[in-house]
Amino acid sequence: MNFFRQTPADLSVFHEFAPPPTGGGHQFMRALCRGIESRGLRIEYNRLSRGTPACLFNSYNFDFRKLARALRARPDVRAVHRLDGPLQTYRGMDDGTDARISEINHNHATATIFQSRFSLDAHLALGLSARAPVVIPNTPDPEIFHPRDRLPFDANRKFKLISVSWSDNPNKGLETYLALDTLLDYSRVEYTFVGRIQTTFRNIRLLAPMPSAPLADLLRQQDAYLTASRNDPCSNSLLEALACGLPALYLNSGGHPELAADAGLPFDAPEEVPAKLETLARDHATYRERIAVPSLDDTVDAYLKQLFPETP
């Protein structure tokens, strides 16, 4: 794609970044913006200058009123709304945020990017339609999350399993992780949980949240990733683990089946995990070979196609 800088900025991005370590949405937005800037485009953040032709705004992580004012003054701008959720689906409650997000989408968006087909379908099931929806999955930063120098698999040592969660929402898998703390054979499994969770463990090693680079180093020292989050639209932690070369055990819920596909095994209850773990260990190389994570270049291309559809 060829772009010519004739405006104060090529793209406006509305997103309030939180400092790391933090949730996957912030990590993805950093990687996406770096990828866009690597194409020679200039981004302005949380403002919309006169002449800037396109605006990307992320979910609800920005000042709604500031964005609305900016877009009302610039009706010619192509405005693309990146959505996940619905929030009520994985938070387990409806505090009105989804309705506010839907309102700004219908009032100001030209097009909508969903992070998974699950997320799009869940919105439609709740009557939350969106402007010109497309599905573009997230992808991790390849400079950080990659399989190079990962620990070789060895069936003669303990199987190294890991889970990661920034949020301590119980829907992120609390009940499953508590069950696995006693269900697994810890003479054969070494299990690490990184992040925030509302419990303590007897057998699972619990580590505090960590920035992306040391987390990626730790992921590359593991054999498999397990996620038990429920109704998670597009788990960045799962994508990061896959990108580091880890096949996955995943709760058959939300966007997990779309992301992991054949590079892992689904489960519906924690009691299924020990047998699934045996299968994953036995055929570890096969599951690793099936890992397919979208490249950052392809994801940037897909976003630019939505933001600048008239550009060849």
C-alpha atoms as a PDB file:
ATOM      1  CA  MET A   1       0.000   0.000   0.000  1.00  0.00           C
ATOM      2  CA  ASN A   2       1.258   3.466  -0.879  1.00  0.00           C
ATOM      3  CA  PHE A   3       0.341   6.439   1.253  1.00  0.00           C
ATOM      4  CA  PHE A   4       1.247  10.097   0.821  1.00  0.00           C
ATOM      5  CA  ARG A   5       1.552  12.361   3.835  1.00  0.00           C
ATOM      6  CA  GLN A   6      -0.532  15.396   3.012  1.00  0.00           C
ATOM      7  CA  THR A   7      -2.186  15.889   6.400  1.00  0.00           C
ATOM      8  CA  PRO A   8      -1.153  16.677   9.992  1.00  0.00           C
ATOM      9  CA  ALA A   9      -1.404  12.929  10.647  1.00  0.00           C
ATOM     10  CA  ASP A  10      -2.293   9.914   8.552  1.00  0.00           C
ATOM     11  CA  LEU A  11      -4.327   8.282  11.308  1.00  0.00           C
ATOM     12  CA  SER A  12      -5.918   9.227  14.603  1.00  0.00           C
ATOM     13  CA  VAL A  13      -6.021   6.536  17.317  1.00  0.00           C
ATOM     14  CA  PHE A  14      -8.268   6.943  20.340  1.00  0.00           C
ATOM     15  CA  HIS A  15      -7.072   4.628  23.105  1.00  0.00           C
ATOM     16  CA  GLU A  16      -5.887   5.316  26.652  1.00  0.00           C
ATOM     17  CA  PHE A  17      -2.814   3.131  27.071  1.00  0.00           C
ATOM     18  CA  ALA A  18      -2.109   1.738  30.529  1.00  0.00           C
ATOM     19  CA  PRO A  19       1.549   1.150  31.494  1.00  0.00           C
ATOM     20  CA  PRO A  20       2.730  -2.486  31.414  1.00  0.00           C
ATOM     21  CA  PRO A  21       2.293  -5.037  32.788  1.00  0.00           C
ATOM     22  CA  THR A  22      -1.365  -4.824  31.814  1.00  0.00           C
ATOM     23  CA  GLY A  23      -4.102  -6.510  29.813  1.00  0.00           C
ATOM     24  CA  GLY A  24      -3.734  -7.941  26.338  1.00  0.00           C
ATOM     25  CA  GLY A  25      -5.755  -5.232  24.610  1.00  0.00           C
ATOM     26  CA  HIS A  26      -3.120  -2.636  25.471  1.00  0.00           C
ATOM     27  CA  GLN A  27      -0.367  -4.987  24.286  1.00  0.00           C
ATOM     28  CA  PHE A  28      -2.087  -5.578  20.965  1.00  0.00           C
ATOM     29  CA  MET A  29      -2.759  -1.889  20.371  1.00  0.00           C
ATOM     30  CA  ARG A  30       0.924  -1.100  20.979  1.00  0.00           C
ATOM     31  CA  ALA A  31       1.991  -3.754  18.484  1.00  0.00           C
ATOM     32  CA  LEU A  32      -0.602  -2.644  15.934  1.00  0.00           C
ATOM     33  CA  CYS A  33       0.393   1.008  16.149  1.00  0.00           C
ATOM     34  CA  ARG A  34       4.092   0.158  15.827  1.00  0.00           C
ATOM     35  CA  GLY A  35       3.245  -1.958  12.805  1.00  0.00           C
ATOM     36  CA  ILE A  36       1.278   0.881  11.192  1.00  0.00           C
ATOM     37  CA  GLU A  37       4.050   3.394  11.900  1.00  0.00           C
ATOM     38  CA  SER A  38       6.579   1.007  10.342  1.00  0.00           C
ATOM     39  CA  ARG A  39       4.707   1.563   7.052  1.00  0.00           C
ATOM     40  CA  GLY A  40       5.671   5.246   7.175  1.00  0.00           C
ATOM     41  CA  LEU A  41       2.326   6.472   8.523  1.00  0.00           C
ATOM     42  CA  ARG A  42       2.130   9.051  11.295  1.00  0.00           C
ATOM     43  CA  ILE A  43      -0.322   8.477  14.140  1.00  0.00           C
ATOM     44  CA  GLU A  44      -1.786  11.085  16.470  1.00  0.00           C
ATOM     45  CA  TYR A  45      -3.267   9.856  19.732  1.00  0.00           C
ATOM     46  CA  ASN A  46      -6.556  10.903  21.353  1.00  0.00           C
ATOM     47  CA  ARG A  47      -6.982  13.880  19.040  1.00  0.00           C
ATOM     48  CA  LEU A  48      -8.273  14.409  15.510  1.00  0.00           C
ATOM     49  CA  SER A  49      -6.530  17.145  13.593  1.00  0.00           C
ATOM     50  CA  ARG A  50      -7.972  18.982  10.655  1.00  0.00           C
ATOM     51  CA  GLY A  51      -7.221  16.961   7.536  1.00  0.00           C
ATOM     52  CA  THR A  52      -6.497  13.627   9.238  1.00  0.00           C
ATOM     53  CA  PRO A  53      -8.470  11.215   7.020  1.00  0.00           C
ATOM     54  CA  ALA A  54      -9.101   8.238   9.296  1.00  0.00           C
ATOM     55  CA  CYS A  55      -9.700   7.426  12.951  1.00  0.00           C
ATOM     56  CA  LEU A  56      -9.427   4.115  14.822  1.00  0.00           C
ATOM     57  CA  PHE A  57     -11.043   3.969  18.252  1.00  0.00           C
ATOM     58  CA  ASN A  58     -10.736   0.988  20.576  1.00  0.00           C
ATOM     59  CA  SER A  59     -13.732  -0.507  22.372  1.00  0.00           C
ATOM     60  CA  TYR A  60     -14.464   1.895  25.275  1.00  0.00           C
ATOM     61  CA  ASN A  61     -10.872   2.674  26.363  1.00  0.00           C
ATOM     62  CA  PHE A  62     -11.003   6.375  25.535  1.00  0.00           C
ATOM     63  CA  ASP A  63     -12.888   9.585  26.291  1.00  0.00           C
ATOM     64  CA  PHE A  64     -16.297   9.045  24.653  1.00  0.00           C
ATOM     65  CA  ARG A  65     -17.255  12.712  24.698  1.00  0.00           C
ATOM     66  CA  LYS A  66     -13.948  13.882  23.246  1.00  0.00           C
ATOM     67  CA  LEU A  67     -14.218  11.408  20.382  1.00  0.00           C
ATOM     68  CA  ALA A  68     -17.854  12.328  19.721  1.00  0.00           C
ATOM     69  CA  ARG A  69     -17.013  16.035  19.569  1.00  0.00           C
ATOM     70  CA  ALA A  70     -14.107  15.373  17.210  1.00  0.00           C
ATOM     71  CA  LEU A  71     -16.127  13.210  14.834  1.00  0.00           C
ATOM     72  CA  ARG A  72     -19.125  15.549  14.817  1.00  0.00           C
ATOM     73  CA  ALA A  73     -16.770  18.287  13.652  1.00  0.00           C
ATOM     74  CA  ARG A  74     -15.256  15.967  11.006  1.00  0.00           C
ATOM     75  CA  PRO A  75     -18.100  13.989   9.365  1.00  0.00           C
ATOM     76  CA  ASP A  76     -15.806  13.246   6.406  1.00  0.00           C
ATOM     77  CA  VAL A  77     -13.449  11.095   8.504  1.00  0.00           C
ATOM     78  CA  ARG A  78     -13.537   7.320   8.073  1.00  0.00           C
ATOM     79  CA  ALA A  79     -14.085   6.100  11.631  1.00  0.00           C
ATOM     80  CA  VAL A  80     -13.325   2.445  12.463  1.00  0.00           C
ATOM     81  CA  HIS A  81     -14.371   0.987  15.805  1.00  0.00           C
ATOM     82  CA  ARG A  82     -12.422  -1.994  17.216  1.00  0.00           C
ATOM     83  CA  LEU A  83     -14.655  -4.125  19.456  1.00  0.00           C
ATOM     84  CA  ASP A  84     -14.399  -7.146  21.713  1.00  0.00           C
ATOM     85  CA  GLY A  85     -16.923  -8.486  24.207  1.00  0.00           C
ATOM     86  CA  PRO A  86     -19.801  -8.144  24.676  1.00  0.00           C
ATOM     87  CA  LEU A  87     -18.539  -7.160  28.107  1.00  0.00           C
ATOM     88  CA  GLN A  88     -21.621  -8.531  29.867  1.00  0.00           C
ATOM     89  CA  THR A  89     -20.928 -11.964  28.383  1.00  0.00           C
ATOM     90  CA  TYR A  90     -17.551 -12.465  30.050  1.00  0.00           C
ATOM     91  CA  ARG A  91     -17.999 -10.161  33.028  1.00  0.00           C
ATOM     92  CA  GLY A  92     -21.221 -11.925  33.971  1.00  0.00           C
ATOM     93  CA  MET A  93     -23.122  -8.678  34.506  1.00  0.00           C
ATOM     94  CA  ASP A  94     -24.591  -5.827  32.491  1.00  0.00           C
ATOM     95  CA  ASP A  95     -23.607  -2.396  33.800  1.00  0.00           C
ATOM     96  CA  GLY A  96     -24.729  -0.561  30.657  1.00  0.00           C
ATOM     97  CA  THR A  97     -21.277  -0.331  29.066  1.00  0.00           C
ATOM     98  CA  ASP A  98     -22.243  -2.465  26.051  1.00  0.00           C
ATOM     99  CA  ALA A  99     -25.194  -0.169  25.334  1.00  0.00           C
ATOM    100  CA  ARG A 100     -22.939   2.911  25.508  1.00  0.00           C
ATOM    101  CA  ILE A 101     -20.426   1.265  23.183  1.00  0.00           C
ATOM    102  CA  SER A 102     -23.227   0.350  20.753  1.00  0.00           C
ATOM    103  CA  GLU A 103     -24.524   3.914  20.805  1.00  0.00           C
ATOM    104  CA  ILE A 104     -21.185   5.465  19.883  1.00  0.00           C
ATOM    105  CA  ASN A 105     -20.699   2.792  17.225  1.00  0.00           C
ATOM    106  CA  HIS A 106     -24.010   3.636  15.551  1.00  0.00           C
ATOM    107  CA  ASN A 107     -23.564   7.369  15.939  1.00  0.00           C
ATOM    108  CA  HIS A 108     -19.994   7.635  14.696  1.00  0.00           C
ATOM    109  CA  ALA A 109     -18.495   4.448  13.196  1.00  0.00           C
ATOM    110  CA  THR A 110     -18.115   3.850   9.485  1.00  0.00           C
ATOM    111  CA  ALA A 111     -16.942   0.255   9.997  1.00  0.00           C
ATOM    112  CA  THR A 112     -16.396  -2.150  12.882  1.00  0.00           C
ATOM    113  CA  ILE A 113     -13.584  -4.629  13.517  1.00  0.00           C
ATOM    114  CA  PHE A 114     -14.415  -7.593  15.748  1.00  0.00           C
ATOM    115  CA  GLN A 115     -11.602  -9.707  17.155  1.00  0.00           C
ATOM    116  CA  SER A 116     -13.388 -13.043  16.662  1.00  0.00           C
ATOM    117  CA  ARG A 117     -16.460 -14.510  15.031  1.00  0.00           C
ATOM    118  CA  PHE A 118     -17.627 -15.445  18.521  1.00  0.00           C
ATOM    119  CA  SER A 119     -17.598 -11.769  19.527  1.00  0.00           C
ATOM    120  CA  LEU A 120     -19.583 -10.697  16.450  1.00  0.00           C
ATOM    121  CA  ASP A 121     -22.173 -13.453  16.907  1.00  0.00           C
ATOM    122  CA  ALA A 122     -22.515 -12.738  20.638  1.00  0.00           C
ATOM    123  CA  HIS A 123     -23.233  -9.077  19.903  1.00  0.00           C
ATOM    124  CA  LEU A 124     -25.879 -10.022  17.349  1.00  0.00           C
ATOM    125  CA  ALA A 125     -27.474 -12.499  19.791  1.00  0.00           C
ATOM    126  CA  LEU A 126     -27.924  -9.654  22.296  1.00  0.00           C
ATOM    127  CA  GLY A 127     -29.371  -7.340  19.654  1.00  0.00           C
ATOM    128  CA  LEU A 128     -26.175  -5.254  19.539  1.00  0.00           C
ATOM    129  CA  SER A 129     -25.592  -4.729  15.838  1.00  0.00           C
ATOM    130  CA  ALA A 130     -22.590  -2.789  14.514  1.00  0.00           C
ATOM    131  CA  ARG A 131     -21.693  -0.750  11.464  1.00  0.00           C
ATOM    132  CA  ALA A 132     -20.210  -2.769   8.559  1.00  0.00           C
ATOM    133  CA  PRO A 133     -18.658  -5.530  10.724  1.00  0.00           C
ATOM    134  CA  VAL A 134     -15.587  -7.563   9.780  1.00  0.00           C
ATOM    135  CA  VAL A 135     -13.528 -10.043  11.829  1.00  0.00           C
ATOM    136  CA  ILE A 136      -9.776  -9.460  12.212  1.00  0.00           C
ATOM    137  CA  PRO A 137      -8.130 -11.519  14.991  1.00  0.00           C
ATOM    138  CA  ASN A 138      -5.448 -10.004  17.176  1.00  0.00           C
ATOM    139  CA  THR A 139      -1.831 -11.052  16.905  1.00  0.00           C
ATOM    140  CA  PRO A 140       1.127 -10.687  19.283  1.00  0.00           C
ATOM    141  CA  ASP A 141       4.198  -8.556  18.728  1.00  0.00           C
ATOM    142  CA  PRO A 142       6.612 -10.894  16.870  1.00  0.00           C
ATOM    143  CA  GLU A 143       9.644  -9.085  18.267  1.00  0.00           C
ATOM    144  CA  ILE A 144       8.624 -10.282  21.742  1.00  0.00           C
ATOM    145  CA  PHE A 145       6.464 -13.385  21.303  1.00  0.00           C
ATOM    146  CA  HIS A 146       8.233 -15.907  19.076  1.00  0.00           C
ATOM    147  CA  PRO A 147       9.362 -19.562  19.343  1.00  0.00           C
ATOM    148  CA  ARG A 148      13.098 -18.998  18.893  1.00  0.00           C
ATOM    149  CA  ASP A 149      15.314 -20.465  21.617  1.00  0.00           C
ATOM    150  CA  ARG A 150      12.402 -22.250  23.259  1.00  0.00           C
ATOM    151  CA  LEU A 151      13.014 -25.174  25.611  1.00  0.00           C
ATOM    152  CA  PRO A 152      13.021 -28.477  23.671  1.00  0.00           C
ATOM    153  CA  PHE A 153      10.303 -30.894  24.684  1.00  0.00           C
ATOM    154  CA  ASP A 154      11.530 -33.856  26.728  1.00  0.00           C
ATOM    155  CA  ALA A 155       9.110 -36.634  27.674  1.00  0.00           C
ATOM    156  CA  ASN A 156      11.497 -37.830  30.394  1.00  0.00           C
ATOM    157  CA  ARG A 157      11.082 -34.781  32.620  1.00  0.00           C
ATOM    158  CA  LYS A 158       8.051 -33.144  34.230  1.00  0.00           C
ATOM    159  CA  PHE A 159       5.576 -31.691  31.741  1.00  0.00           C
ATOM    160  CA  LYS A 160       5.703 -27.907  32.066  1.00  0.00           C
ATOM    161  CA  LEU A 161       2.235 -26.276  31.928  1.00  0.00           C
ATOM    162  CA  ILE A 162       1.452 -22.565  32.232  1.00  0.00           C
ATOM    163  CA  SER A 163      -1.577 -20.257  32.451  1.00  0.00           C
ATOM    164  CA  VAL A 164      -1.603 -16.450  32.319  1.00  0.00           C
ATOM    165  CA  SER A 165      -4.312 -13.954  33.268  1.00  0.00           C
ATOM    166  CA  TRP A 166      -4.069 -10.228  33.886  1.00  0.00           C
ATOM    167  CA  SER A 167      -7.638 -10.001  35.202  1.00  0.00           C
ATOM    168  CA  ASP A 168      -8.784 -11.610  38.449  1.00  0.00           C
ATOM    169  CA  ASN A 169     -12.407 -11.815  37.253  1.00  0.00           C
ATOM    170  CA  PRO A 170     -13.641 -15.269  38.376  1.00  0.00           C
ATOM    171  CA  ASN A 171     -14.858 -15.871  34.798  1.00  0.00           C
ATOM    172  CA  LYS A 172     -11.193 -15.991  33.784  1.00  0.00           C
ATOM    173  CA  GLY A 173     -11.178 -19.577  35.079  1.00  0.00           C
ATOM    174  CA  LEU A 174     -10.988 -19.467  38.872  1.00  0.00           C
ATOM    175  CA  GLU A 175     -13.038 -22.632  39.513  1.00  0.00           C
ATOM    176  CA  THR A 176     -11.113 -24.638  36.917  1.00  0.00           C
ATOM    177  CA  TYR A 177      -7.699 -23.591  38.221  1.00  0.00           C
ATOM    178  CA  LEU A 178      -8.741 -24.445  41.773  1.00  0.00           C
ATOM    179  CA  ALA A 179      -9.867 -27.891  40.615  1.00  0.00           C
ATOM    180  CA  LEU A 180      -6.641 -28.483  38.660  1.00  0.00           C
ATOM    181  CA  ASP A 181      -4.616 -27.640  41.760  1.00  0.00           C
ATOM    182  CA  THR A 182      -5.655 -31.064  43.091  1.00  0.00           C
ATOM    183  CA  LEU A 183      -6.632 -33.011  39.940  1.00  0.00           C
ATOM    184  CA  LEU A 184      -3.239 -33.124  38.234  1.00  0.00           C
ATOM    185  CA  ASP A 185      -0.418 -35.515  39.116  1.00  0.00           C
ATOM    186  CA  TYR A 186       2.227 -33.077  40.340  1.00  0.00           C
ATOM    187  CA  SER A 187       4.886 -35.778  40.396  1.00  0.00           C
ATOM    188  CA  ARG A 188       4.674 -35.574  36.596  1.00  0.00           C
ATOM    189  CA  VAL A 189       3.475 -31.996  35.974  1.00  0.00           C
ATOM    190  CA  GLU A 190       4.961 -28.613  36.855  1.00  0.00           C
ATOM    191  CA  TYR A 191       2.215 -25.977  36.620  1.00  0.00           C
ATOM    192  CA  THR A 192       2.787 -22.189  36.742  1.00  0.00           C
ATOM    193  CA  PHE A 193       0.139 -19.474  36.898  1.00  0.00           C
ATOM    194  CA  VAL A 194       1.196 -15.910  36.066  1.00  0.00           C
ATOM    195  CA  GLY A 195      -1.057 -12.987  36.889  1.00  0.00           C
ATOM    196  CA  ARG A 196      -3.870 -12.103  39.224  1.00  0.00           C
ATOM    197  CA  ILE A 197      -6.322 -14.567  40.753  1.00  0.00           C
ATOM    198  CA  GLN A 198      -8.522 -14.500  43.848  1.00  0.00           C
ATOM    199  CA  THR A 199      -7.057 -17.562  45.554  1.00  0.00           C
ATOM    200  CA  THR A 200      -3.900 -19.302  46.720  1.00  0.00           C
ATOM    201  CA  PHE A 201      -2.684 -22.670  45.462  1.00  0.00           C
ATOM    202  CA  ARG A 202      -1.191 -25.739  47.097  1.00  0.00           C
ATOM    203  CA  ASN A 203       0.555 -27.163  44.029  1.00  0.00           C
ATOM    204  CA  ILE A 204       0.417 -24.550  41.271  1.00  0.00           C
ATOM    205  CA  ARG A 205       3.277 -22.055  41.346  1.00  0.00           C
ATOM    206  CA  LEU A 206       1.813 -18.522  41.435  1.00  0.00           C
ATOM    207  CA  LEU A 207       3.804 -15.611  39.956  1.00  0.00           C
ATOM    208  CA  ALA A 208       2.877 -11.925  39.873  1.00  0.00           C
ATOM    209  CA  PRO A 209       2.013 -10.210  36.575  1.00  0.00           C
ATOM    210  CA  MET A 210       5.120  -9.416  34.552  1.00  0.00           C
ATOM    211  CA  PRO A 211       5.992  -7.290  31.518  1.00  0.00           C
ATOM    212  CA  SER A 212       5.798  -8.826  28.065  1.00  0.00           C
ATOM    213  CA  ALA A 213       9.503  -9.550  27.497  1.00  0.00           C
ATOM    214  CA  PRO A 214      10.112 -11.638  30.647  1.00  0.00           C
ATOM    215  CA  LEU A 215       6.706 -13.269  30.198  1.00  0.00           C
ATOM    216  CA  ALA A 216       7.668 -14.355  26.686  1.00  0.00           C
ATOM    217  CA  ASP A 217      10.955 -15.749  28.010  1.00  0.00           C
ATOM    218  CA  LEU A 218       9.014 -17.745  30.603  1.00  0.00           C
ATOM    219  CA  LEU A 219       6.515 -19.014  28.006  1.00  0.00           C
ATOM    220  CA  ARG A 220       9.367 -20.371  25.892  1.00  0.00           C
ATOM    221  CA  GLN A 221      10.452 -22.491  28.882  1.00  0.00           C
ATOM    222  CA  GLN A 222       7.099 -24.316  28.984  1.00  0.00           C
ATOM    223  CA  ASP A 223       5.561 -27.235  27.100  1.00  0.00           C
ATOM    224  CA  ALA A 224       1.908 -26.196  26.837  1.00  0.00           C
ATOM    225  CA  TYR A 225      -0.523 -23.419  27.702  1.00  0.00           C
ATOM    226  CA  LEU A 226      -3.873 -23.834  29.444  1.00  0.00           C
ATOM    227  CA  THR A 227      -6.683 -21.294  29.467  1.00  0.00           C
ATOM    228  CA  ALA A 228      -9.965 -21.718  31.326  1.00  0.00           C
ATOM    229  CA  SER A 229     -11.444 -18.258  30.727  1.00  0.00           C
ATOM    230  CA  ARG A 230     -15.130 -18.296  29.871  1.00  0.00           C
ATOM    231  CA  ASN A 231     -16.648 -16.339  26.961  1.00  0.00           C
ATOM    232  CA  ASP A 232     -13.313 -14.665  26.257  1.00  0.00           C
ATOM    233  CA  PRO A 233     -13.684 -13.109  22.788  1.00  0.00           C
ATOM    234  CA  CYS A 234     -10.025 -13.121  21.756  1.00  0.00           C
ATOM    235  CA  SER A 235      -7.522 -14.101  24.431  1.00  0.00           C
ATOM    236  CA  ASN A 236      -4.266 -12.269  23.796  1.00  0.00           C
ATOM    237  CA  SER A 237      -2.586 -14.485  26.388  1.00  0.00           C
ATOM    238  CA  LEU A 238      -3.544 -17.553  24.370  1.00  0.00           C
ATOM    239  CA  LEU A 239      -2.227 -15.973  21.163  1.00  0.00           C
ATOM    240  CA  GLU A 240       1.032 -15.002  22.883  1.00  0.00           C
ATOM    241  CA  ALA A 241       1.538 -18.557  24.121  1.00  0.00           C
ATOM    242  CA  LEU A 242       0.818 -20.012  20.683  1.00  0.00           C
ATOM    243  CA  ALA A 243       3.256 -17.530  19.138  1.00  0.00           C
ATOM    244  CA  CYS A 244       5.927 -18.777  21.556  1.00  0.00           C
ATOM    245  CA  GLY A 245       5.395 -22.306  20.262  1.00  0.00           C
ATOM    246  CA  LEU A 246       3.087 -23.711  22.940  1.00  0.00           C
ATOM    247  CA  PRO A 247       0.163 -25.957  21.991  1.00  0.00           C
ATOM    248  CA  ALA A 248      -2.912 -25.292  24.092  1.00  0.00           C
ATOM    249  CA  LEU A 249      -5.502 -26.898  26.299  1.00  0.00           C
ATOM    250  CA  TYR A 250      -8.479 -24.572  26.255  1.00  0.00           C
ATOM    251  CA  LEU A 251     -11.963 -24.336  27.686  1.00  0.00           C
ATOM    252  CA  ASN A 252     -14.374 -24.861  24.798  1.00  0.00           C
ATOM    253  CA  SER A 253     -15.772 -21.360  25.122  1.00  0.00           C
ATOM    254  CA  GLY A 254     -15.598 -17.939  23.512  1.00  0.00           C
ATOM    255  CA  GLY A 255     -13.002 -17.372  20.826  1.00  0.00           C
ATOM    256  CA  HIS A 256     -10.582 -20.068  22.054  1.00  0.00           C
ATOM    257  CA  PRO A 257     -11.524 -22.669  19.389  1.00  0.00           C
ATOM    258  CA  GLU A 258     -11.005 -20.080  16.622  1.00  0.00           C
ATOM    259  CA  LEU A 259      -7.563 -19.077  17.889  1.00  0.00           C
ATOM    260  CA  ALA A 260      -6.119 -22.462  18.842  1.00  0.00           C
ATOM    261  CA  ALA A 261      -7.903 -24.460  16.127  1.00  0.00           C
ATOM    262  CA  ASP A 262      -6.051 -27.801  15.755  1.00  0.00           C
ATOM    263  CA  ALA A 263      -2.999 -26.687  17.748  1.00  0.00           C
ATOM    264  CA  GLY A 264      -4.462 -27.982  20.965  1.00  0.00           C
ATOM    265  CA  LEU A 265      -7.376 -29.717  22.645  1.00  0.00           C
ATOM    266  CA  PRO A 266     -10.647 -28.350  24.049  1.00  0.00           C
ATOM    267  CA  PHE A 267     -12.193 -29.347  27.362  1.00  0.00           C
ATOM    268  CA  ASP A 268     -15.613 -28.700  28.889  1.00  0.00           C
ATOM    269  CA  ALA A 269     -14.832 -29.589  32.512  1.00  0.00           C
ATOM    270  CA  PRO A 270     -11.624 -29.704  34.579  1.00  0.00           C
ATOM    271  CA  GLU A 271     -12.001 -33.461  35.084  1.00  0.00           C
ATOM    272  CA  GLU A 272     -11.217 -33.894  31.360  1.00  0.00           C
ATOM    273  CA  VAL A 273      -7.874 -32.117  31.592  1.00  0.00           C
ATOM    274  CA  PRO A 274      -5.600 -34.926  32.910  1.00  0.00           C
ATOM    275  CA  ALA A 275      -6.473 -37.240  29.995  1.00  0.00           C
ATOM    276  CA  LYS A 276      -6.253 -34.377  27.460  1.00  0.00           C
ATOM    277  CA  LEU A 277      -2.870 -33.465  28.922  1.00  0.00           C
ATOM    278  CA  GLU A 278      -1.660 -37.038  28.375  1.00  0.00           C
ATOM    279  CA  THR A 279      -2.736 -36.852  24.728  1.00  0.00           C
ATOM    280  CA  LEU A 280      -1.038 -33.494  24.249  1.00  0.00           C
ATOM    281  CA  ALA A 281       2.202 -34.797  25.756  1.00  0.00           C
ATOM    282  CA  ARG A 282       2.137 -37.975  23.685  1.00  0.00           C
ATOM    283  CA  ASP A 283       1.629 -36.105  20.392  1.00  0.00           C
ATOM    284  CA  HIS A 284       3.367 -32.887  21.367  1.00  0.00           C
ATOM    285  CA  ALA A 285       5.294 -32.401  18.112  1.00  0.00           C
ATOM    286  CA  THR A 286       2.134 -32.849  16.015  1.00  0.00           C
ATOM    287  CA  TYR A 287       0.205 -30.215  17.952  1.00  0.00           C
ATOM    288  CA  ARG A 288       3.135 -27.811  17.793  1.00  0.00           C
ATOM    289  CA  GLU A 289       3.312 -28.156  14.011  1.00  0.00           C
ATOM    290  CA  ARG A 290      -0.346 -27.125  13.763  1.00  0.00           C
ATOM    291  CA  ILE A 291       0.176 -23.735  15.411  1.00  0.00           C
ATOM    292  CA  ALA A 292      -0.872 -20.918  13.081  1.00  0.00           C
ATOM    293  CA  VAL A 293      -0.882 -17.372  14.459  1.00  0.00           C
ATOM    294  CA  PRO A 294      -1.697 -14.445  12.149  1.00  0.00           C
ATOM    295  CA  SER A 295       1.378 -12.378  11.318  1.00  0.00           C
ATOM    296  CA  LEU A 296       1.550  -8.765  12.426  1.00  0.00           C
ATOM    297  CA  ASP A 297       2.123  -7.725   8.798  1.00  0.00           C
ATOM    298  CA  ASP A 298      -1.098  -9.440   7.690  1.00  0.00           C
ATOM    299  CA  THR A 299      -3.018  -7.925  10.602  1.00  0.00           C
ATOM    300  CA  VAL A 300      -1.716  -4.435   9.804  1.00  0.00           C
ATOM    301  CA  ASP A 301      -2.715  -4.948   6.153  1.00  0.00           C
ATOM    302  CA  ALA A 302      -6.222  -5.960   7.209  1.00  0.00           C
ATOM    303  CA  TYR A 303      -6.589  -2.899   9.465  1.00  0.00           C
ATOM    304  CA  LEU A 304      -5.263  -0.531   6.781  1.00  0.00           C
ATOM    305  CA  LYS A 305      -7.737  -1.983   4.296  1.00  0.00           C
ATOM    306  CA  GLN A 306     -10.558  -0.973   6.643  1.00  0.00           C
ATOM    307  CA  LEU A 307      -9.074   2.426   7.454  1.00  0.00           C
ATOM    308  CA  PHE A 308      -8.090   3.373   3.894  1.00  0.00           C
ATOM    309  CA  PRO A 309     -10.324   1.267   1.596  1.00  0.00           C
ATOM    310  CA  GLU A 310      -9.714   3.495  -1.436  1.00  0.00           C
ATOM    311  CA  THR A 311      -5.941   3.106  -1.302  1.00  0.00           C
ATOM    312  CA  PRO A 312      -4.501   0.429  -3.630  1.00  0.00           C
END
